[in-house]
């Protein structure tokens, strides 16, 4: 059984983003999965910077000793790269990272 998950939150819809982040947090907190990687991509990046509930879910994820990552390409295109430092979210190119995780057996879950 595969117990490694990569959660990619790309939706700018708050409800969808909250659902994805909630699952990522709970999968770690309740040991539903052994490993859960969390990425913010596309419209979800701008949402993360303004949505307090999503920020609270991010903090819960980080409390599980995990690091969420935001897409550098999207953040730079939107001129928001520098804003992620306040949330302790590194900004990195993620295409290769996600591809490698999938090749390594992580199941992708996109919200």
N, C-alpha and C. Protein backbone atom coordinates (compact mmCIF):
# COMPACT_ATOMS: atom_id res chain seq x y z
N UNK A 1 0.83 -1.19 0.00
CA UNK A 1 0.00 0.00 0.00
C UNK A 1 0.87 1.25 0.00
N UNK A 2 0.51 2.22 -0.81
CA UNK A 2 1.24 3.47 -0.87
C UNK A 2 0.74 4.39 0.24
N UNK A 3 1.65 4.87 1.07
CA UNK A 3 1.25 5.77 2.15
C UNK A 3 2.00 7.10 2.10
N UNK A 4 2.34 7.49 0.85
CA UNK A 4 3.02 8.75 0.61
C UNK A 4 2.14 9.59 -0.32
N UNK A 5 1.92 10.84 0.07
CA UNK A 5 0.98 11.69 -0.65
C UNK A 5 1.61 13.06 -0.92
N UNK A 6 1.36 13.58 -2.12
CA UNK A 6 1.72 14.96 -2.41
C UNK A 6 0.42 15.71 -2.70
N UNK A 7 0.13 16.68 -1.84
CA UNK A 7 -1.08 17.49 -1.97
C UNK A 7 -0.69 18.79 -2.66
N UNK A 8 -1.36 19.05 -3.79
CA UNK A 8 -1.11 20.26 -4.57
C UNK A 8 -2.38 21.10 -4.52
N UNK A 9 -2.29 22.23 -3.86
CA UNK A 9 -3.44 23.12 -3.79
C UNK A 9 -3.23 24.21 -4.84
N UNK A 10 -4.08 24.18 -5.86
CA UNK A 10 -3.93 25.14 -6.95
C UNK A 10 -5.16 26.01 -7.14
N UNK A 11 -6.26 25.63 -6.52
CA UNK A 11 -7.51 26.37 -6.71
C UNK A 11 -7.51 27.69 -5.94
N UNK A 12 -8.05 28.70 -6.57
CA UNK A 12 -8.27 29.98 -5.91
C UNK A 12 -9.58 30.01 -5.16
N UNK A 13 -10.35 28.92 -5.24
CA UNK A 13 -11.61 28.81 -4.52
C UNK A 13 -11.30 28.43 -3.07
N UNK A 14 -11.71 29.26 -2.13
CA UNK A 14 -11.36 29.06 -0.73
C UNK A 14 -11.85 27.72 -0.21
N UNK A 15 -13.06 27.32 -0.56
CA UNK A 15 -13.59 26.06 -0.08
C UNK A 15 -12.75 24.87 -0.51
N UNK A 16 -12.33 24.86 -1.76
CA UNK A 16 -11.51 23.76 -2.26
C UNK A 16 -10.12 23.78 -1.61
N UNK A 17 -9.55 24.96 -1.49
CA UNK A 17 -8.23 25.08 -0.87
C UNK A 17 -8.28 24.65 0.60
N UNK A 18 -9.32 25.04 1.31
CA UNK A 18 -9.46 24.64 2.71
C UNK A 18 -9.59 23.13 2.83
N UNK A 19 -10.37 22.52 1.95
CA UNK A 19 -10.56 21.07 1.98
C UNK A 19 -9.23 20.35 1.78
N UNK A 20 -8.45 20.79 0.80
CA UNK A 20 -7.16 20.17 0.54
C UNK A 20 -6.20 20.32 1.70
N UNK A 21 -6.13 21.52 2.26
CA UNK A 21 -5.23 21.76 3.39
C UNK A 21 -5.68 20.99 4.62
N UNK A 22 -6.99 20.91 4.83
CA UNK A 22 -7.51 20.15 5.97
C UNK A 22 -7.13 18.68 5.84
N UNK A 23 -7.28 18.14 4.63
CA UNK A 23 -6.90 16.74 4.43
C UNK A 23 -5.40 16.54 4.70
N UNK A 24 -4.57 17.43 4.19
CA UNK A 24 -3.11 17.30 4.39
C UNK A 24 -2.78 17.30 5.88
N UNK A 25 -3.38 18.22 6.62
CA UNK A 25 -3.13 18.31 8.06
C UNK A 25 -3.59 17.04 8.77
N UNK A 26 -4.82 16.62 8.49
CA UNK A 26 -5.37 15.46 9.19
C UNK A 26 -4.67 14.16 8.80
N UNK A 27 -4.23 14.04 7.56
CA UNK A 27 -3.52 12.85 7.14
C UNK A 27 -2.23 12.66 7.93
N UNK A 28 -1.60 13.78 8.30
CA UNK A 28 -0.41 13.71 9.15
C UNK A 28 -0.78 13.53 10.61
N UNK A 29 -1.67 14.37 11.09
CA UNK A 29 -2.03 14.39 12.51
C UNK A 29 -2.56 13.04 12.98
N UNK A 30 -3.37 12.40 12.16
CA UNK A 30 -3.99 11.14 12.54
C UNK A 30 -3.32 9.92 11.90
N UNK A 31 -2.15 10.16 11.30
CA UNK A 31 -1.34 9.10 10.70
C UNK A 31 -2.10 8.27 9.66
N UNK A 32 -2.95 8.94 8.88
CA UNK A 32 -3.61 8.26 7.76
C UNK A 32 -2.58 7.93 6.69
N UNK A 33 -1.57 8.79 6.59
CA UNK A 33 -0.48 8.61 5.63
C UNK A 33 0.83 8.80 6.39
N UNK A 34 1.85 8.10 5.93
CA UNK A 34 3.15 8.23 6.57
C UNK A 34 3.82 9.56 6.21
N UNK A 35 3.69 9.96 4.95
CA UNK A 35 4.31 11.19 4.47
C UNK A 35 3.29 11.99 3.66
N UNK A 36 3.27 13.31 3.92
CA UNK A 36 2.38 14.21 3.18
C UNK A 36 3.16 15.47 2.85
N UNK A 37 3.38 15.69 1.57
CA UNK A 37 4.05 16.91 1.10
C UNK A 37 2.96 17.88 0.62
N UNK A 38 3.14 19.16 0.90
CA UNK A 38 2.13 20.16 0.57
C UNK A 38 2.74 21.27 -0.29
N UNK A 39 2.09 21.51 -1.44
CA UNK A 39 2.52 22.55 -2.37
C UNK A 39 1.37 23.49 -2.68
N UNK A 40 1.69 24.78 -2.78
CA UNK A 40 0.72 25.79 -3.23
C UNK A 40 1.16 26.24 -4.62
N UNK A 41 0.19 26.31 -5.52
CA UNK A 41 0.48 26.55 -6.92
C UNK A 41 -0.65 27.38 -7.51
N UNK A 42 -0.32 28.22 -8.47
CA UNK A 42 -1.36 28.96 -9.20
C UNK A 42 -2.14 29.90 -8.32
N UNK A 43 -3.45 30.03 -8.57
CA UNK A 43 -4.29 30.97 -7.83
C UNK A 43 -4.29 30.73 -6.31
N UNK A 44 -3.99 29.53 -5.88
CA UNK A 44 -3.96 29.24 -4.44
C UNK A 44 -2.87 30.02 -3.73
N UNK A 45 -1.84 30.42 -4.45
CA UNK A 45 -0.76 31.17 -3.82
C UNK A 45 -1.25 32.53 -3.34
N UNK A 46 -1.96 33.24 -4.20
CA UNK A 46 -2.50 34.55 -3.80
C UNK A 46 -3.53 34.37 -2.69
N UNK A 47 -4.33 33.32 -2.78
CA UNK A 47 -5.32 33.05 -1.74
C UNK A 47 -4.65 32.83 -0.39
N UNK A 48 -3.56 32.07 -0.37
CA UNK A 48 -2.86 31.80 0.88
C UNK A 48 -2.41 33.08 1.57
N UNK A 49 -2.04 34.07 0.79
CA UNK A 49 -1.53 35.32 1.37
C UNK A 49 -2.62 36.17 2.02
N UNK A 50 -3.88 35.89 1.70
CA UNK A 50 -4.97 36.73 2.23
C UNK A 50 -5.99 35.98 3.08
N UNK A 51 -6.04 34.67 2.97
CA UNK A 51 -7.09 33.89 3.62
C UNK A 51 -6.61 33.39 4.99
N UNK A 52 -7.20 33.92 6.05
CA UNK A 52 -6.77 33.60 7.41
C UNK A 52 -7.01 32.13 7.76
N UNK A 53 -8.10 31.54 7.29
CA UNK A 53 -8.37 30.14 7.58
C UNK A 53 -7.33 29.24 6.92
N UNK A 54 -6.97 29.55 5.68
CA UNK A 54 -5.96 28.78 4.98
C UNK A 54 -4.60 28.95 5.67
N UNK A 55 -4.32 30.14 6.15
CA UNK A 55 -3.09 30.38 6.90
C UNK A 55 -3.06 29.58 8.20
N UNK A 56 -4.22 29.46 8.86
CA UNK A 56 -4.29 28.67 10.09
C UNK A 56 -4.05 27.19 9.79
N UNK A 57 -4.59 26.70 8.69
CA UNK A 57 -4.36 25.31 8.28
C UNK A 57 -2.89 25.09 7.94
N UNK A 58 -2.28 26.06 7.28
CA UNK A 58 -0.84 25.99 6.99
C UNK A 58 -0.06 25.88 8.29
N UNK A 59 -0.41 26.69 9.28
CA UNK A 59 0.28 26.65 10.57
C UNK A 59 0.14 25.28 11.23
N UNK A 60 -1.03 24.67 11.12
CA UNK A 60 -1.22 23.32 11.66
C UNK A 60 -0.31 22.32 10.95
N UNK A 61 -0.22 22.44 9.64
CA UNK A 61 0.67 21.57 8.86
C UNK A 61 2.12 21.76 9.32
N UNK A 62 2.52 23.01 9.48
CA UNK A 62 3.87 23.31 9.92
C UNK A 62 4.12 22.81 11.34
N UNK A 63 3.09 22.77 12.17
CA UNK A 63 3.22 22.24 13.53
C UNK A 63 3.50 20.74 13.55
N UNK A 64 3.27 20.09 12.44
CA UNK A 64 3.59 18.67 12.30
C UNK A 64 5.04 18.49 11.80
N UNK A 65 5.84 19.57 11.93
CA UNK A 65 7.25 19.58 11.50
C UNK A 65 7.40 19.37 10.01
N UNK A 66 6.49 19.94 9.25
CA UNK A 66 6.53 19.86 7.80
C UNK A 66 6.68 21.26 7.21
N UNK A 67 7.14 21.33 5.97
CA UNK A 67 7.32 22.60 5.28
C UNK A 67 6.53 22.58 3.99
N UNK A 68 5.59 23.50 3.86
CA UNK A 68 4.85 23.68 2.61
C UNK A 68 5.70 24.54 1.68
N UNK A 69 5.49 24.39 0.39
CA UNK A 69 6.28 25.12 -0.60
C UNK A 69 5.35 25.80 -1.59
N UNK A 70 5.70 27.03 -1.96
CA UNK A 70 4.97 27.78 -2.99
C UNK A 70 5.78 27.78 -4.28
N UNK A 71 5.09 27.80 -5.40
CA UNK A 71 5.73 27.78 -6.71
C UNK A 71 6.41 29.12 -7.01
N UNK A 72 7.70 29.07 -7.26
CA UNK A 72 8.47 30.28 -7.54
C UNK A 72 8.05 30.94 -8.85
N UNK A 73 7.83 30.14 -9.87
CA UNK A 73 7.46 30.72 -11.17
C UNK A 73 6.18 31.54 -11.04
N UNK A 74 5.16 30.96 -10.44
CA UNK A 74 3.88 31.66 -10.29
C UNK A 74 4.03 32.87 -9.39
N UNK A 75 4.74 32.71 -8.28
CA UNK A 75 4.92 33.82 -7.34
C UNK A 75 5.67 34.99 -7.97
N UNK A 76 6.69 34.69 -8.75
CA UNK A 76 7.45 35.76 -9.40
C UNK A 76 6.61 36.44 -10.48
N UNK A 77 5.84 35.66 -11.24
CA UNK A 77 4.97 36.24 -12.26
C UNK A 77 3.94 37.19 -11.64
N UNK A 78 3.48 36.85 -10.44
CA UNK A 78 2.49 37.67 -9.75
C UNK A 78 3.09 38.75 -8.87
N UNK A 79 4.41 38.78 -8.79
CA UNK A 79 5.08 39.79 -7.97
C UNK A 79 4.84 39.62 -6.48
N UNK A 80 4.65 38.37 -6.04
CA UNK A 80 4.33 38.13 -4.63
C UNK A 80 5.35 37.23 -3.93
N UNK A 81 6.46 36.94 -4.55
CA UNK A 81 7.46 36.03 -3.97
C UNK A 81 7.87 36.41 -2.55
N UNK A 82 8.13 37.67 -2.35
CA UNK A 82 8.64 38.14 -1.06
C UNK A 82 7.62 38.00 0.08
N UNK A 83 6.34 37.89 -0.24
CA UNK A 83 5.30 37.86 0.78
C UNK A 83 5.21 36.53 1.52
N UNK A 84 5.79 35.47 0.98
CA UNK A 84 5.69 34.16 1.61
C UNK A 84 6.62 34.00 2.81
N UNK A 85 7.63 34.85 2.90
CA UNK A 85 8.56 34.77 4.03
C UNK A 85 7.83 34.96 5.37
N UNK A 86 6.83 35.82 5.39
CA UNK A 86 6.07 36.06 6.62
C UNK A 86 5.32 34.82 7.09
N UNK A 87 5.05 33.89 6.17
CA UNK A 87 4.34 32.66 6.50
C UNK A 87 5.30 31.47 6.66
N UNK A 88 6.60 31.72 6.56
CA UNK A 88 7.61 30.66 6.60
C UNK A 88 7.39 29.61 5.52
N UNK A 89 7.04 30.09 4.33
CA UNK A 89 6.83 29.20 3.19
C UNK A 89 7.92 29.49 2.16
N UNK A 90 8.80 28.52 1.91
CA UNK A 90 9.81 28.72 0.89
C UNK A 90 9.17 28.81 -0.50
N UNK A 91 9.80 29.58 -1.35
CA UNK A 91 9.34 29.74 -2.73
C UNK A 91 10.39 29.07 -3.62
N UNK A 92 9.96 28.01 -4.32
CA UNK A 92 10.89 27.22 -5.12
C UNK A 92 10.22 26.80 -6.42
N UNK A 93 11.04 26.48 -7.41
CA UNK A 93 10.50 25.87 -8.62
C UNK A 93 10.03 24.47 -8.24
N UNK A 94 8.79 24.13 -8.55
CA UNK A 94 8.23 22.89 -8.03
C UNK A 94 7.96 21.81 -9.08
N UNK A 95 8.03 22.13 -10.35
CA UNK A 95 7.71 21.15 -11.37
C UNK A 95 8.54 19.88 -11.26
N UNK A 96 9.83 20.03 -11.17
CA UNK A 96 10.71 18.87 -11.07
C UNK A 96 10.52 18.15 -9.73
N UNK A 97 10.32 18.94 -8.65
CA UNK A 97 10.11 18.34 -7.33
C UNK A 97 8.89 17.42 -7.33
N UNK A 98 7.78 17.92 -7.86
CA UNK A 98 6.55 17.14 -7.88
C UNK A 98 6.72 15.91 -8.78
N UNK A 99 7.36 16.09 -9.92
CA UNK A 99 7.60 14.96 -10.82
C UNK A 99 8.42 13.88 -10.14
N UNK A 100 9.44 14.28 -9.41
CA UNK A 100 10.28 13.32 -8.70
C UNK A 100 9.49 12.59 -7.62
N UNK A 101 8.65 13.33 -6.88
CA UNK A 101 7.83 12.70 -5.85
C UNK A 101 6.91 11.64 -6.45
N UNK A 102 6.29 11.96 -7.58
CA UNK A 102 5.40 11.01 -8.23
C UNK A 102 6.19 9.77 -8.67
N UNK A 103 7.37 9.99 -9.26
CA UNK A 103 8.22 8.86 -9.67
C UNK A 103 8.64 8.01 -8.48
N UNK A 104 8.75 8.66 -7.30
CA UNK A 104 9.15 7.97 -6.08
C UNK A 104 7.96 7.32 -5.36
N UNK A 105 6.80 7.34 -5.99
CA UNK A 105 5.67 6.63 -5.43
C UNK A 105 4.66 7.45 -4.65
N UNK A 106 4.83 8.76 -4.62
CA UNK A 106 3.84 9.60 -3.96
C UNK A 106 2.60 9.69 -4.84
N UNK A 107 1.46 9.59 -4.23
CA UNK A 107 0.20 9.75 -4.94
C UNK A 107 -0.13 11.23 -4.97
N UNK A 108 -0.36 11.82 -6.16
CA UNK A 108 -0.74 13.24 -6.22
C UNK A 108 -2.22 13.43 -5.94
N UNK A 109 -2.52 14.45 -5.18
CA UNK A 109 -3.90 14.83 -4.88
C UNK A 109 -3.98 16.32 -5.15
N UNK A 110 -4.77 16.71 -6.13
CA UNK A 110 -4.81 18.11 -6.56
C UNK A 110 -6.16 18.71 -6.17
N UNK A 111 -6.08 19.84 -5.52
CA UNK A 111 -7.29 20.56 -5.06
C UNK A 111 -7.35 21.90 -5.74
